Protein backbone atom coordinates (compact mmCIF):
# COMPACT_ATOMS: atom_id res chain seq x y z
CA MET A 1 104.45 108.50 41.32
CA THR A 2 104.16 108.92 37.58
CA ASN A 3 106.72 110.80 35.58
CA VAL A 4 104.55 111.21 32.44
CA PHE A 5 102.53 114.41 32.11
CA SER A 6 100.48 115.99 29.33
CA LYS A 7 100.32 119.59 28.14
CA ASP A 8 98.43 121.43 25.42
CA PRO A 9 100.79 123.05 22.88
CA ASN A 10 99.22 126.47 23.61
CA ALA A 11 99.59 126.18 27.39
CA THR A 12 102.38 127.58 29.56
CA LEU A 13 102.59 125.39 32.68
CA ASP A 14 104.86 124.72 35.63
CA PHE A 15 106.33 121.29 36.39
CA GLY A 16 108.10 120.43 39.61
CA PHE A 17 110.98 118.22 40.65
CA ASP A 18 110.55 117.65 44.39
CA TRP A 19 113.77 116.67 46.16
CA SER A 20 112.58 117.49 49.71
CA GLN A 21 112.17 113.84 50.81
CA TRP A 22 115.55 112.91 49.32
CA LEU A 23 117.61 115.73 50.85
CA ALA A 24 119.22 115.09 54.24
CA THR A 25 118.37 117.34 57.19
CA GLY A 26 120.10 120.69 56.66
CA GLU A 27 121.04 119.88 53.06
CA SER A 28 119.96 122.17 50.23
CA ILE A 29 120.17 122.38 46.44
CA SER A 30 123.34 124.33 45.56
CA SER A 31 122.94 124.26 41.79
CA TYR A 32 120.75 122.70 39.15
CA THR A 33 120.48 122.31 35.38
CA ILE A 34 117.25 121.82 33.42
CA THR A 35 117.57 120.08 30.06
CA VAL A 36 114.79 119.77 27.46
CA SER A 37 115.62 116.91 25.08
CA GLY A 38 114.59 116.52 21.48
CA SER A 39 112.79 119.80 21.02
CA THR A 40 113.04 123.04 19.19
CA THR A 41 109.37 123.83 19.91
CA LEU A 42 109.07 123.10 23.65
CA THR A 43 110.54 126.14 25.38
CA LYS A 44 111.79 126.61 28.92
CA ILE A 45 110.42 129.99 30.05
CA SER A 46 111.96 130.09 33.54
CA ASP A 47 113.01 127.96 36.48
CA THR A 48 113.35 128.41 40.24
CA ASN A 49 114.73 126.57 43.24
CA THR A 50 112.53 126.83 46.34
CA SER A 51 112.70 124.77 49.54
CA GLY A 52 113.99 121.52 48.09
CA SER A 53 112.09 121.71 44.80
CA VAL A 54 112.98 122.89 41.33
CA ILE A 55 110.10 124.33 39.31
CA VAL A 56 110.35 124.79 35.54
CA TRP A 57 107.85 126.71 33.37
CA LEU A 58 107.41 125.28 29.86
CA SER A 59 105.49 126.48 26.81
CA GLY A 60 104.89 125.26 23.27
CA GLY A 61 105.64 121.81 21.95
CA THR A 62 104.32 119.97 18.92
CA SER A 63 101.03 118.10 19.33
CA GLY A 64 101.56 114.34 19.20
CA SER A 65 105.17 114.58 20.41
CA ARG A 66 106.79 113.38 23.62
CA TYR A 67 109.65 115.28 25.21
CA GLU A 68 111.94 114.55 28.14
CA VAL A 69 112.76 117.24 30.68
CA ALA A 70 115.63 116.44 33.06
CA CYS A 71 116.69 118.14 36.28
CA LEU A 72 120.25 117.54 37.49
CA ILE A 73 121.08 118.89 40.96
CA THR A 74 124.15 119.28 43.13
CA THR A 75 123.55 119.63 46.86
CA SER A 76 125.31 121.47 49.66
CA ALA A 77 126.72 118.05 50.69
CA ASN A 78 128.19 117.71 47.16
CA ARG A 79 125.78 114.91 46.18
CA THR A 80 124.35 114.84 42.66
CA ASP A 81 121.20 113.26 41.27
CA GLU A 82 119.04 113.58 38.18
CA ARG A 83 115.33 113.04 37.58
CA THR A 84 113.50 113.07 34.27
CA ILE A 85 109.87 113.64 33.38
CA LYS A 86 108.19 112.81 30.08
CA LEU A 87 105.84 115.38 28.61
CA ASP A 88 103.20 114.36 26.04
CA ILE A 89 101.93 117.27 23.98
CA ARG A 90 98.23 116.91 23.14
CA ASN A 91 95.47 119.26 22.07
CA ARG A 92 92.97 119.41 24.91
């Protein structure tokens, strides 16, 4: 599975971090933190935690730039893990 995605700077899109295959039976996401690195123009609009996935809505960004968006979770079993996606901003 790739962790590099592209987005137009004028688009507002959702990006998901799917933990469902990683979580143990009966385990859930207790808390999470979304971090957008290296940007003052890529904006986190909102985020949600639903059924083992964290969804983040992002807008903006500077065309020609690459940003990293990280999701750090803590589970009901007190495990922690982090995943990062790369987001290339391109005019489409």
